[in-house]
Amino acid sequence: HSVATCTPPRACYGCRATRRGSARRVVRASSTPGAPLYIGLDVGTQGSKAIVYNAETREVVGRGAAAYDLLPSDSPTTAEQNPSQWEEGGTAALLQALSGISDKSCVRGIAVSGQ
């Protein structure tokens, strides 16, 4: 799908879509030099997601994501993950989200959530 639309109509990493299917375009660079930026990082069970938010323009100016798998298991009722994947996935998502930000010193804070 394109950045301007998201199919199926739910949030994805290239755009932010509502349940009704409308989408907002993600601005790929900080539109105001020196504007305060904030990072959101979600480390979940299936992957990590990160956004960079420009507080001055109220726009998401960067997004990143990394998926990880379960470890092989002999039992169909158990599931395990390697915790190092959470760290690696969070780092990869964060670096991807920041890749279009030229002045990373504008980052004023970070919020992290995890399972």
N, C-alpha and C. Protein backbone atom coordinates (compact mmCIF):
# COMPACT_ATOMS: atom_id res chain seq x y z
N HIS A 1 0.83 -1.18 0.00
CA HIS A 1 0.00 0.00 0.00
C HIS A 1 0.88 1.25 0.00
N SER A 2 0.29 2.37 -0.25
CA SER A 2 1.04 3.61 -0.30
C SER A 2 1.05 4.28 1.07
N VAL A 3 1.88 5.31 1.21
CA VAL A 3 1.95 6.05 2.46
C VAL A 3 0.65 6.79 2.72
N ALA A 4 -0.04 7.22 1.67
CA ALA A 4 -1.25 8.01 1.83
C ALA A 4 -2.47 7.18 2.21
N THR A 5 -2.44 5.88 1.97
CA THR A 5 -3.57 5.03 2.34
C THR A 5 -3.06 3.79 3.02
N CYS A 6 -3.92 3.17 3.79
CA CYS A 6 -3.54 1.97 4.52
C CYS A 6 -4.60 0.91 4.31
N THR A 7 -4.21 -0.25 3.79
CA THR A 7 -5.12 -1.35 3.60
C THR A 7 -4.52 -2.57 4.26
N PRO A 8 -5.20 -3.25 5.16
CA PRO A 8 -6.53 -2.97 5.65
C PRO A 8 -6.55 -1.70 6.49
N PRO A 9 -7.75 -1.12 6.70
CA PRO A 9 -7.82 0.16 7.41
C PRO A 9 -7.52 0.03 8.90
N ARG A 10 -6.26 0.03 9.24
CA ARG A 10 -5.81 0.03 10.62
C ARG A 10 -4.43 0.66 10.65
N ALA A 11 -3.93 0.94 11.82
CA ALA A 11 -2.63 1.60 11.90
C ALA A 11 -1.54 0.71 11.33
N CYS A 12 -0.64 1.31 10.59
CA CYS A 12 0.52 0.60 10.07
C CYS A 12 1.73 1.49 10.23
N TYR A 13 2.87 1.10 9.68
CA TYR A 13 4.09 1.83 9.93
C TYR A 13 4.34 2.96 8.94
N GLY A 14 3.67 2.97 7.80
CA GLY A 14 3.87 4.03 6.82
C GLY A 14 2.86 5.14 6.96
N CYS A 15 1.77 4.88 7.65
CA CYS A 15 0.75 5.90 7.81
C CYS A 15 0.01 5.67 9.12
N ARG A 16 -0.85 6.58 9.45
CA ARG A 16 -1.68 6.42 10.65
C ARG A 16 -3.12 6.45 10.17
N ALA A 17 -3.75 5.31 10.12
CA ALA A 17 -5.11 5.23 9.60
C ALA A 17 -6.10 5.04 10.74
N THR A 18 -7.27 5.56 10.57
CA THR A 18 -8.32 5.35 11.56
C THR A 18 -9.09 4.10 11.18
N ARG A 19 -9.98 3.68 12.04
CA ARG A 19 -10.79 2.49 11.74
C ARG A 19 -11.72 2.72 10.56
N ARG A 20 -12.01 3.98 10.25
CA ARG A 20 -12.86 4.28 9.11
C ARG A 20 -12.07 4.26 7.80
N GLY A 21 -10.75 4.11 7.89
CA GLY A 21 -9.95 3.99 6.69
C GLY A 21 -9.28 5.26 6.22
N SER A 22 -9.54 6.40 6.86
CA SER A 22 -8.84 7.61 6.44
C SER A 22 -7.42 7.57 6.97
N ALA A 23 -6.51 8.24 6.30
CA ALA A 23 -5.12 8.21 6.71
C ALA A 23 -4.52 9.61 6.69
N ARG A 24 -3.54 9.80 7.56
CA ARG A 24 -2.78 11.04 7.55
C ARG A 24 -1.40 10.74 7.03
N ARG A 25 -0.88 11.61 6.23
CA ARG A 25 0.46 11.45 5.69
C ARG A 25 1.49 11.71 6.79
N VAL A 26 2.53 10.92 6.83
CA VAL A 26 3.61 11.10 7.79
C VAL A 26 4.63 12.04 7.19
N VAL A 27 4.93 13.12 7.90
CA VAL A 27 5.95 14.05 7.46
C VAL A 27 7.30 13.40 7.75
N ARG A 28 8.19 13.34 6.79
CA ARG A 28 9.43 12.59 6.95
C ARG A 28 10.58 13.38 7.55
N ALA A 29 10.45 14.65 7.75
CA ALA A 29 11.55 15.42 8.34
C ALA A 29 10.97 16.49 9.25
N SER A 30 11.76 16.92 10.20
CA SER A 30 11.32 17.97 11.09
C SER A 30 11.08 19.23 10.28
N SER A 31 9.83 19.71 10.26
CA SER A 31 9.49 20.84 9.41
C SER A 31 9.94 22.17 10.00
N THR A 32 10.23 22.22 11.28
CA THR A 32 10.69 23.44 11.92
C THR A 32 12.03 23.15 12.59
N PRO A 33 13.12 23.74 12.09
CA PRO A 33 14.42 23.49 12.73
C PRO A 33 14.40 23.92 14.19
N GLY A 34 14.92 23.07 15.04
CA GLY A 34 14.98 23.37 16.46
C GLY A 34 13.71 23.10 17.23
N ALA A 35 12.66 22.62 16.56
CA ALA A 35 11.40 22.33 17.24
C ALA A 35 11.59 21.16 18.20
N PRO A 36 10.93 21.18 19.36
CA PRO A 36 11.07 20.07 20.31
C PRO A 36 10.44 18.79 19.76
N LEU A 37 11.19 17.71 19.88
CA LEU A 37 10.74 16.40 19.40
C LEU A 37 10.62 15.46 20.59
N TYR A 38 9.63 14.56 20.52
CA TYR A 38 9.42 13.55 21.55
C TYR A 38 9.30 12.20 20.88
N ILE A 39 9.81 11.17 21.53
CA ILE A 39 9.82 9.82 20.99
C ILE A 39 8.89 8.94 21.80
N GLY A 40 8.11 8.11 21.10
CA GLY A 40 7.31 7.07 21.72
C GLY A 40 7.83 5.74 21.24
N LEU A 41 8.11 4.82 22.15
CA LEU A 41 8.64 3.50 21.81
C LEU A 41 7.78 2.44 22.49
N ASP A 42 7.21 1.56 21.69
CA ASP A 42 6.38 0.46 22.21
C ASP A 42 7.08 -0.85 21.90
N VAL A 43 7.47 -1.57 22.94
CA VAL A 43 8.11 -2.87 22.79
C VAL A 43 7.05 -3.92 23.12
N GLY A 44 6.49 -4.54 22.10
CA GLY A 44 5.41 -5.49 22.27
C GLY A 44 5.85 -6.92 22.10
N THR A 45 4.90 -7.82 22.13
CA THR A 45 5.21 -9.25 22.01
C THR A 45 5.48 -9.69 20.58
N GLN A 46 5.00 -8.94 19.60
CA GLN A 46 5.22 -9.31 18.21
C GLN A 46 6.22 -8.41 17.50
N GLY A 47 6.52 -7.27 18.11
CA GLY A 47 7.47 -6.35 17.50
C GLY A 47 7.56 -5.06 18.28
N SER A 48 8.45 -4.19 17.83
CA SER A 48 8.64 -2.88 18.43
C SER A 48 8.25 -1.81 17.43
N LYS A 49 7.66 -0.72 17.92
CA LYS A 49 7.27 0.40 17.08
C LYS A 49 7.75 1.68 17.73
N ALA A 50 8.15 2.64 16.91
CA ALA A 50 8.61 3.92 17.43
C ALA A 50 8.06 5.05 16.57
N ILE A 51 7.78 6.18 17.21
CA ILE A 51 7.42 7.39 16.48
C ILE A 51 8.23 8.55 17.03
N VAL A 52 8.40 9.57 16.18
CA VAL A 52 9.00 10.84 16.59
C VAL A 52 7.93 11.89 16.34
N TYR A 53 7.62 12.67 17.36
CA TYR A 53 6.54 13.66 17.32
C TYR A 53 7.12 15.05 17.45
N ASN A 54 6.75 15.94 16.52
CA ASN A 54 7.15 17.34 16.56
C ASN A 54 6.08 18.08 17.36
N ALA A 55 6.44 18.56 18.55
CA ALA A 55 5.47 19.20 19.44
C ALA A 55 5.02 20.56 18.92
N GLU A 56 5.84 21.20 18.12
CA GLU A 56 5.48 22.52 17.61
C GLU A 56 4.44 22.44 16.49
N THR A 57 4.65 21.51 15.55
CA THR A 57 3.72 21.37 14.43
C THR A 57 2.63 20.34 14.70
N ARG A 58 2.78 19.59 15.80
CA ARG A 58 1.84 18.53 16.17
C ARG A 58 1.72 17.46 15.08
N GLU A 59 2.87 17.09 14.53
CA GLU A 59 2.92 16.07 13.48
C GLU A 59 3.89 14.97 13.85
N VAL A 60 3.59 13.77 13.39
CA VAL A 60 4.53 12.66 13.49
C VAL A 60 5.54 12.86 12.37
N VAL A 61 6.81 12.96 12.72
CA VAL A 61 7.84 13.25 11.72
C VAL A 61 8.76 12.05 11.47
N GLY A 62 8.52 10.95 12.14
CA GLY A 62 9.30 9.74 11.91
C GLY A 62 8.61 8.53 12.49
N ARG A 63 8.76 7.40 11.80
CA ARG A 63 8.19 6.12 12.26
C ARG A 63 9.19 5.00 12.00
N GLY A 64 9.16 4.02 12.86
CA GLY A 64 9.99 2.85 12.67
C GLY A 64 9.33 1.63 13.28
N ALA A 65 9.70 0.46 12.78
CA ALA A 65 9.12 -0.79 13.29
C ALA A 65 10.09 -1.94 13.05
N ALA A 66 10.03 -2.92 13.93
CA ALA A 66 10.80 -4.14 13.79
C ALA A 66 9.98 -5.28 14.38
N ALA A 67 9.88 -6.37 13.64
CA ALA A 67 9.13 -7.55 14.10
C ALA A 67 10.10 -8.61 14.62
N TYR A 68 9.62 -9.47 15.52
CA TYR A 68 10.41 -10.59 15.96
C TYR A 68 9.52 -11.81 16.14
N ASP A 69 10.16 -12.97 16.13
CA ASP A 69 9.44 -14.24 16.14
C ASP A 69 9.55 -14.93 17.50
N LEU A 70 8.75 -15.97 17.63
CA LEU A 70 8.82 -16.84 18.80
C LEU A 70 9.92 -17.87 18.61
N LEU A 71 10.47 -18.36 19.71
CA LEU A 71 11.46 -19.43 19.64
C LEU A 71 10.76 -20.74 19.30
N PRO A 72 11.42 -21.63 18.59
CA PRO A 72 10.81 -22.93 18.30
C PRO A 72 10.47 -23.67 19.60
N SER A 73 9.34 -24.36 19.59
CA SER A 73 8.89 -25.08 20.79
C SER A 73 8.34 -26.44 20.40
N ASP A 74 8.54 -27.42 21.28
CA ASP A 74 7.98 -28.76 21.07
C ASP A 74 6.52 -28.83 21.49
N SER A 75 6.08 -27.88 22.27
CA SER A 75 4.72 -27.90 22.80
C SER A 75 3.87 -26.83 22.12
N PRO A 76 2.68 -27.22 21.66
CA PRO A 76 1.80 -26.23 21.02
C PRO A 76 1.15 -25.26 22.01
N THR A 77 1.31 -25.53 23.32
CA THR A 77 0.66 -24.68 24.32
C THR A 77 1.62 -23.68 24.97
N THR A 78 2.89 -23.69 24.56
CA THR A 78 3.84 -22.74 25.14
C THR A 78 4.46 -21.88 24.04
N ALA A 79 4.86 -20.70 24.43
CA ALA A 79 5.54 -19.78 23.52
C ALA A 79 6.60 -19.03 24.30
N GLU A 80 7.78 -18.91 23.70
CA GLU A 80 8.88 -18.20 24.34
C GLU A 80 9.55 -17.28 23.35
N GLN A 81 10.15 -16.22 23.89
CA GLN A 81 10.92 -15.29 23.08
C GLN A 81 12.26 -15.05 23.74
N ASN A 82 13.23 -14.69 22.92
CA ASN A 82 14.53 -14.34 23.43
C ASN A 82 14.50 -12.85 23.79
N PRO A 83 14.74 -12.49 25.06
CA PRO A 83 14.67 -11.08 25.45
C PRO A 83 15.62 -10.17 24.66
N SER A 84 16.71 -10.71 24.13
CA SER A 84 17.61 -9.86 23.34
C SER A 84 16.92 -9.36 22.08
N GLN A 85 15.90 -10.07 21.60
CA GLN A 85 15.14 -9.60 20.44
C GLN A 85 14.37 -8.32 20.78
N TRP A 86 13.93 -8.18 22.00
CA TRP A 86 13.21 -6.96 22.40
C TRP A 86 14.15 -5.76 22.33
N GLU A 87 15.36 -5.95 22.84
CA GLU A 87 16.35 -4.87 22.81
C GLU A 87 16.75 -4.54 21.37
N GLU A 88 17.04 -5.56 20.59
CA GLU A 88 17.43 -5.34 19.19
C GLU A 88 16.28 -4.72 18.39
N GLY A 89 15.06 -5.20 18.60
CA GLY A 89 13.90 -4.66 17.88
C GLY A 89 13.60 -3.22 18.27
N GLY A 90 13.71 -2.92 19.56
CA GLY A 90 13.48 -1.55 20.02
C GLY A 90 14.52 -0.60 19.45
N THR A 91 15.77 -1.03 19.43
CA THR A 91 16.84 -0.21 18.87
C THR A 91 16.64 0.01 17.38
N ALA A 92 16.29 -1.06 16.65
CA ALA A 92 16.07 -0.94 15.20
C ALA A 92 14.90 -0.01 14.88
N ALA A 93 13.80 -0.13 15.62
CA ALA A 93 12.64 0.73 15.40
C ALA A 93 12.99 2.18 15.70
N LEU A 94 13.73 2.41 16.76
CA LEU A 94 14.12 3.76 17.15
C LEU A 94 15.04 4.39 16.10
N LEU A 95 16.04 3.64 15.64
CA LEU A 95 16.94 4.17 14.61
C LEU A 95 16.21 4.47 13.31
N GLN A 96 15.27 3.61 12.94
CA GLN A 96 14.48 3.85 11.73
C GLN A 96 13.64 5.11 11.87
N ALA A 97 13.01 5.29 13.01
CA ALA A 97 12.18 6.48 13.23
C ALA A 97 13.01 7.76 13.21
N LEU A 98 14.24 7.69 13.70
CA LEU A 98 15.10 8.86 13.75
C LEU A 98 15.90 9.10 12.47
N SER A 99 15.82 8.18 11.52
CA SER A 99 16.67 8.27 10.33
C SER A 99 16.45 9.54 9.51
N GLY A 100 15.26 10.10 9.51
CA GLY A 100 14.99 11.32 8.75
C GLY A 100 15.14 12.59 9.56
N ILE A 101 15.57 12.48 10.81
CA ILE A 101 15.70 13.64 11.69
C ILE A 101 17.16 14.11 11.64
N SER A 102 17.36 15.32 11.14
CA SER A 102 18.74 15.82 11.00
C SER A 102 19.34 16.28 12.32
N ASP A 103 18.55 16.92 13.18
CA ASP A 103 19.06 17.44 14.44
C ASP A 103 18.47 16.66 15.61
N LYS A 104 19.14 15.58 15.97
CA LYS A 104 18.64 14.71 17.04
C LYS A 104 18.76 15.35 18.43
N SER A 105 19.48 16.46 18.52
CA SER A 105 19.59 17.16 19.81
C SER A 105 18.27 17.84 20.18
N CYS A 106 17.31 17.88 19.25
CA CYS A 106 16.00 18.47 19.53
C CYS A 106 15.09 17.53 20.30
N VAL A 107 15.51 16.26 20.46
CA VAL A 107 14.71 15.30 21.22
C VAL A 107 14.73 15.70 22.69
N ARG A 108 13.53 15.94 23.23
CA ARG A 108 13.39 16.41 24.61
C ARG A 108 12.97 15.32 25.58
N GLY A 109 12.40 14.22 25.06
CA GLY A 109 11.94 13.17 25.95
C GLY A 109 11.60 11.92 25.19
N ILE A 110 11.48 10.83 25.94
CA ILE A 110 11.11 9.53 25.36
C ILE A 110 10.17 8.82 26.32
N ALA A 111 9.14 8.22 25.76
CA ALA A 111 8.20 7.40 26.54
C ALA A 111 8.31 5.96 26.04
N VAL A 112 8.43 5.03 26.95
CA VAL A 112 8.60 3.62 26.59
C VAL A 112 7.49 2.80 27.24
N SER A 113 6.88 1.92 26.44
CA SER A 113 5.91 0.97 26.99
C SER A 113 6.34 -0.42 26.57
N GLY A 114 5.97 -1.41 27.36
CA GLY A 114 6.36 -2.78 27.05
C GLY A 114 5.44 -3.77 27.72
N GLN A 115 5.50 -4.98 27.25
CA GLN A 115 4.69 -6.06 27.80
C GLN A 115 5.32 -6.62 29.05
